[in-house]
C-alpha atoms as a PDB file:
ATOM      1  CA  UNK A   1     167.743 104.219 127.335  1.00  0.00           C
ATOM      2  CA  UNK A   2     168.280 101.773 124.200  1.00  0.00           C
ATOM      3  CA  UNK A   3     165.223 100.789 122.222  1.00  0.00           C
ATOM      4  CA  UNK A   4     165.579  97.076 123.234  1.00  0.00           C
ATOM      5  CA  UNK A   5     165.666  98.313 126.975  1.00  0.00           C
ATOM      6  CA  UNK A   6     162.359 100.354 126.415  1.00  0.00           C
ATOM      7  CA  UNK A   7     160.598  97.395 124.749  1.00  0.00           C
ATOM      8  CA  UNK A   8     161.344  95.158 127.837  1.00  0.00           C
ATOM      9  CA  UNK A   9     159.654  97.646 130.025  1.00  0.00           C
ATOM     10  CA  UNK A  10     156.280  97.356 127.905  1.00  0.00           C
ATOM     11  CA  UNK A  11     153.711  94.411 128.644  1.00  0.00           C
ATOM     12  CA  UNK A  12     151.806  93.229 125.607  1.00  0.00           C
ATOM     13  CA  UNK A  13     148.290  92.590 126.599  1.00  0.00           C
ATOM     14  CA  UNK A  14     145.325  90.988 124.542  1.00  0.00           C
ATOM     15  CA  UNK A  15     142.352  93.105 125.604  1.00  0.00           C
ATOM     16  CA  UNK A  16     138.789  91.411 125.335  1.00  0.00           C
ATOM     17  CA  UNK A  17     135.330  92.319 126.779  1.00  0.00           C
ATOM     18  CA  UNK A  18     132.792  90.302 128.522  1.00  0.00           C
ATOM     19  CA  UNK A  19     129.411  92.006 129.352  1.00  0.00           C
ATOM     20  CA  UNK A  20     130.727  95.414 128.538  1.00  0.00           C
ATOM     21  CA  UNK A  21     133.796  94.981 130.866  1.00  0.00           C
ATOM     22  CA  UNK A  22     137.199  94.891 129.727  1.00  0.00           C
ATOM     23  CA  UNK A  23     139.720  92.409 130.623  1.00  0.00           C
ATOM     24  CA  UNK A  24     143.372  91.222 129.528  1.00  0.00           C
ATOM     25  CA  UNK A  25     145.708  88.381 129.173  1.00  0.00           C
ATOM     26  CA  UNK A  26     149.384  88.690 128.475  1.00  0.00           C
ATOM     27  CA  UNK A  27     149.964  88.282 124.733  1.00  0.00           C
ATOM     28  CA  UNK A  28     152.602  85.426 125.569  1.00  0.00           C
ATOM     29  CA  UNK A  29     149.776  83.090 126.431  1.00  0.00           C
ATOM     30  CA  UNK A  30     147.437  83.702 123.800  1.00  0.00           C
ATOM     31  CA  UNK A  31     147.998  81.570 120.727  1.00  0.00           C
ATOM     32  CA  UNK A  32     145.211  82.797 118.448  1.00  0.00           C
ATOM     33  CA  UNK A  33     141.609  84.142 118.084  1.00  0.00           C
ATOM     34  CA  UNK A  34     138.723  82.172 116.390  1.00  0.00           C
ATOM     35  CA  UNK A  35     135.087  83.098 115.420  1.00  0.00           C
ATOM     36  CA  UNK A  36     133.013  81.162 117.742  1.00  0.00           C
ATOM     37  CA  UNK A  37     132.490  77.545 116.640  1.00  0.00           C
ATOM     38  CA  UNK A  38     130.159  74.712 117.950  1.00  0.00           C
ATOM     39  CA  UNK A  39     131.161  73.607 121.367  1.00  0.00           C
ATOM     40  CA  UNK A  40     130.314  70.000 122.219  1.00  0.00           C
ATOM     41  CA  UNK A  41     129.440  68.868 125.740  1.00  0.00           C
ATOM     42  CA  UNK A  42     132.081  66.986 127.897  1.00  0.00           C
ATOM     43  CA  UNK A  43     130.332  64.667 130.263  1.00  0.00           C
ATOM     44  CA  UNK A  44     131.368  64.785 133.894  1.00  0.00           C
ATOM     45  CA  UNK A  45     133.107  68.068 133.314  1.00  0.00           C
ATOM     46  CA  UNK A  46     133.367  70.796 136.020  1.00  0.00           C
ATOM     47  CA  UNK A  47     130.620  73.369 135.863  1.00  0.00           C
ATOM     48  CA  UNK A  48     132.939  75.981 134.843  1.00  0.00           C
ATOM     49  CA  UNK A  49     133.617  73.883 131.524  1.00  0.00           C
ATOM     50  CA  UNK A  50     131.184  74.658 128.610  1.00  0.00           C
ATOM     51  CA  UNK A  51     132.483  71.843 126.652  1.00  0.00           C
ATOM     52  CA  UNK A  52     135.132  71.084 124.163  1.00  0.00           C
ATOM     53  CA  UNK A  53     136.191  72.142 120.539  1.00  0.00           C
ATOM     54  CA  UNK A  54     138.140  70.044 118.089  1.00  0.00           C
ATOM     55  CA  UNK A  55     140.841  72.665 116.934  1.00  0.00           C
ATOM     56  CA  UNK A  56     143.428  71.043 114.408  1.00  0.00           C
ATOM     57  CA  UNK A  57     142.775  67.499 115.794  1.00  0.00           C
ATOM     58  CA  UNK A  58     143.259  68.634 119.257  1.00  0.00           C
ATOM     59  CA  UNK A  59     140.589  68.486 121.795  1.00  0.00           C
ATOM     60  CA  UNK A  60     140.606  71.950 123.790  1.00  0.00           C
ATOM     61  CA  UNK A  61     138.250  72.554 126.886  1.00  0.00           C
ATOM     62  CA  UNK A  62     136.320  75.675 126.570  1.00  0.00           C
ATOM     63  CA  UNK A  63     136.025  77.594 129.976  1.00  0.00           C
ATOM     64  CA  UNK A  64     132.987  79.675 130.867  1.00  0.00           C
ATOM     65  CA  UNK A  65     134.861  82.758 132.123  1.00  0.00           C
ATOM     66  CA  UNK A  66     131.527  84.762 132.571  1.00  0.00           C
ATOM     67  CA  UNK A  67     130.764  82.451 135.349  1.00  0.00           C
ATOM     68  CA  UNK A  68     134.253  82.640 136.795  1.00  0.00           C
ATOM     69  CA  UNK A  69     134.270  86.695 136.627  1.00  0.00           C
ATOM     70  CA  UNK A  70     131.224  86.683 138.341  1.00  0.00           C
ATOM     71  CA  UNK A  71     128.806  87.779 135.368  1.00  0.00           C
ATOM     72  CA  UNK A  72     125.275  86.276 134.804  1.00  0.00           C
ATOM     73  CA  UNK A  73     125.291  83.401 132.314  1.00  0.00           C
ATOM     74  CA  UNK A  74     125.245  84.634 128.661  1.00  0.00           C
ATOM     75  CA  UNK A  75     124.710  83.301 125.229  1.00  0.00           C
ATOM     76  CA  UNK A  76     127.854  83.197 123.349  1.00  0.00           C
ATOM     77  CA  UNK A  77     126.590  83.917 119.728  1.00  0.00           C
ATOM     78  CA  UNK A  78     128.245  83.833 116.262  1.00  0.00           C
ATOM     79  CA  UNK A  79     129.633  87.378 116.904  1.00  0.00           C
ATOM     80  CA  UNK A  80     131.487  85.992 119.955  1.00  0.00           C
ATOM     81  CA  UNK A  81     135.142  84.945 119.741  1.00  0.00           C
ATOM     82  CA  UNK A  82     137.330  82.196 121.243  1.00  0.00           C
ATOM     83  CA  UNK A  83     140.642  82.974 122.625  1.00  0.00           C
ATOM     84  CA  UNK A  84     142.934  80.014 122.400  1.00  0.00           C
ATOM     85  CA  UNK A  85     145.400  80.270 125.149  1.00  0.00           C
ATOM     86  CA  UNK A  86     148.172  78.143 126.914  1.00  0.00           C
ATOM     87  CA  UNK A  87     148.271  77.686 130.546  1.00  0.00           C
ATOM     88  CA  UNK A  88     151.180  75.900 132.362  1.00  0.00           C
ATOM     89  CA  UNK A  89     149.101  72.587 132.114  1.00  0.00           C
ATOM     90  CA  UNK A  90     146.824  72.712 128.974  1.00  0.00           C
ATOM     91  CA  UNK A  91     145.367  74.805 126.123  1.00  0.00           C
ATOM     92  CA  UNK A  92     142.015  76.394 126.870  1.00  0.00           C
ATOM     93  CA  UNK A  93     139.644  78.056 124.833  1.00  0.00           C
ATOM     94  CA  UNK A  94     137.917  81.228 126.262  1.00  0.00           C
ATOM     95  CA  UNK A  95     134.671  82.549 124.851  1.00  0.00           C
ATOM     96  CA  UNK A  96     134.740  86.352 124.818  1.00  0.00           C
ATOM     97  CA  UNK A  97     132.111  88.856 123.485  1.00  0.00           C
ATOM     98  CA  UNK A  98     134.886  90.791 121.470  1.00  0.00           C
ATOM     99  CA  UNK A  99     138.581  90.927 121.172  1.00  0.00           C
ATOM    100  CA  UNK A 100     139.509  94.722 121.257  1.00  0.00           C
ATOM    101  CA  UNK A 101     143.240  94.273 120.046  1.00  0.00           C
ATOM    102  CA  UNK A 102     146.614  94.038 121.494  1.00  0.00           C
ATOM    103  CA  UNK A 103     147.739  97.014 123.837  1.00  0.00           C
ATOM    104  CA  UNK A 104     151.082  97.874 125.001  1.00  0.00           C
ATOM    105  CA  UNK A 105     151.230  99.043 128.592  1.00  0.00           C
ATOM    106  CA  UNK A 106     154.148 100.265 130.444  1.00  0.00           C
ATOM    107  CA  UNK A 107     155.298  97.765 133.198  1.00  0.00           C
ATOM    108  CA  UNK A 108     155.472 100.463 135.787  1.00  0.00           C
ATOM    109  CA  UNK A 109     151.732 101.154 135.139  1.00  0.00           C
ATOM    110  CA  UNK A 110     150.732  97.608 136.289  1.00  0.00           C
ATOM    111  CA  UNK A 111     149.715  97.504 140.027  1.00  0.00           C
ATOM    112  CA  UNK A 112     149.948  94.063 141.730  1.00  0.00           C
ATOM    113  CA  UNK A 113     146.257  93.278 142.980  1.00  0.00           C
ATOM    114  CA  UNK A 114     147.633  92.533 146.534  1.00  0.00           C
ATOM    115  CA  UNK A 115     148.460  96.177 147.126  1.00  0.00           C
ATOM    116  CA  UNK A 116     144.833  97.178 146.450  1.00  0.00           C
ATOM    117  CA  UNK A 117     142.811  94.234 147.633  1.00  0.00           C
ATOM    118  CA  UNK A 118     143.011  90.709 148.882  1.00  0.00           C
ATOM    119  CA  UNK A 119     141.447  87.657 147.678  1.00  0.00           C
ATOM    120  CA  UNK A 120     142.121  88.513 144.072  1.00  0.00           C
ATOM    121  CA  UNK A 121     143.673  85.119 142.919  1.00  0.00           C
ATOM    122  CA  UNK A 122     142.404  85.355 139.355  1.00  0.00           C
ATOM    123  CA  UNK A 123     143.936  88.835 138.824  1.00  0.00           C
ATOM    124  CA  UNK A 124     147.640  89.231 138.077  1.00  0.00           C
ATOM    125  CA  UNK A 125     147.752  92.855 137.710  1.00  0.00           C
ATOM    126  CA  UNK A 126     145.635  96.102 137.367  1.00  0.00           C
ATOM    127  CA  UNK A 127     146.168  98.819 134.968  1.00  0.00           C
ATOM    128  CA  UNK A 128     144.518 102.308 135.305  1.00  0.00           C
ATOM    129  CA  UNK A 129     143.989 103.787 131.761  1.00  0.00           C
ATOM    130  CA  UNK A 130     142.450 107.059 130.735  1.00  0.00           C
ATOM    131  CA  UNK A 131     139.278 105.534 129.781  1.00  0.00           C
ATOM    132  CA  UNK A 132     138.899 102.975 133.010  1.00  0.00           C
ATOM    133  CA  UNK A 133     140.470 100.182 134.634  1.00  0.00           C
ATOM    134  CA  UNK A 134     141.926  96.939 132.872  1.00  0.00           C
ATOM    135  CA  UNK A 135     142.217  93.542 134.870  1.00  0.00           C
ATOM    136  CA  UNK A 136     145.023  91.388 133.743  1.00  0.00           C
ATOM    137  CA  UNK A 137     144.162  87.737 134.341  1.00  0.00           C
ATOM    138  CA  UNK A 138     146.357  84.627 135.073  1.00  0.00           C
ATOM    139  CA  UNK A 139     145.153  81.629 133.368  1.00  0.00           C
ATOM    140  CA  UNK A 140     146.724  79.359 135.691  1.00  0.00           C
ATOM    141  CA  UNK A 141     144.328  80.246 138.428  1.00  0.00           C
ATOM    142  CA  UNK A 142     141.344  79.872 136.220  1.00  0.00           C
ATOM    143  CA  UNK A 143     140.723  76.206 137.494  1.00  0.00           C
ATOM    144  CA  UNK A 144     140.968  75.169 140.952  1.00  0.00           C
ATOM    145  CA  UNK A 145     142.989  71.897 141.641  1.00  0.00           C
ATOM    146  CA  UNK A 146     139.738  69.913 141.912  1.00  0.00           C
ATOM    147  CA  UNK A 147     138.422  71.278 138.700  1.00  0.00           C
ATOM    148  CA  UNK A 148     141.597  70.610 136.952  1.00  0.00           C
ATOM    149  CA  UNK A 149     141.571  67.084 138.235  1.00  0.00           C
ATOM    150  CA  UNK A 150     137.902  66.743 137.242  1.00  0.00           C
ATOM    151  CA  UNK A 151     138.529  68.201 133.874  1.00  0.00           C
ATOM    152  CA  UNK A 152     141.488  65.672 133.274  1.00  0.00           C
ATOM    153  CA  UNK A 153     139.374  62.703 134.231  1.00  0.00           C
ATOM    154  CA  UNK A 154     136.631  63.878 131.747  1.00  0.00           C
ATOM    155  CA  UNK A 155     139.078  64.300 128.922  1.00  0.00           C
ATOM    156  CA  UNK A 156     140.545  60.953 129.406  1.00  0.00           C
ATOM    157  CA  UNK A 157     137.181  59.416 129.429  1.00  0.00           C
ATOM    158  CA  UNK A 158     136.522  60.637 125.920  1.00  0.00           C
END
């Protein structure tokens, strides 16, 4: 097998942690990682939205993924990071406790969640690693249609 063919069989993932649990996003959707900055409130935004940040003159919603993943609310302090990522509809900022780096995972090691359990809309894949399980998330499913519409209205009003 050629080197380029082997490279296509790898998935590049940005691995991060929240509440001592590891998660991942496909590297292709992550634009950059920032140190935590002040988040401004966004009136009438969905509950899942912590507020907005101004990043290079662009207003970006900050999504509380702790809540979305079922963790208790936490305080994102100065040691936290923001993942700036692109969905099919908009750019989002995701506060995480720590970014653990980029990990290459063989595509054949990624299991589709439907083959294991149903009702995993946020999960795009599951990888069994030697040191635990890694859940790969699909950013396009983070906001429901109602939340997406409410967010759009909130952003237009500011």
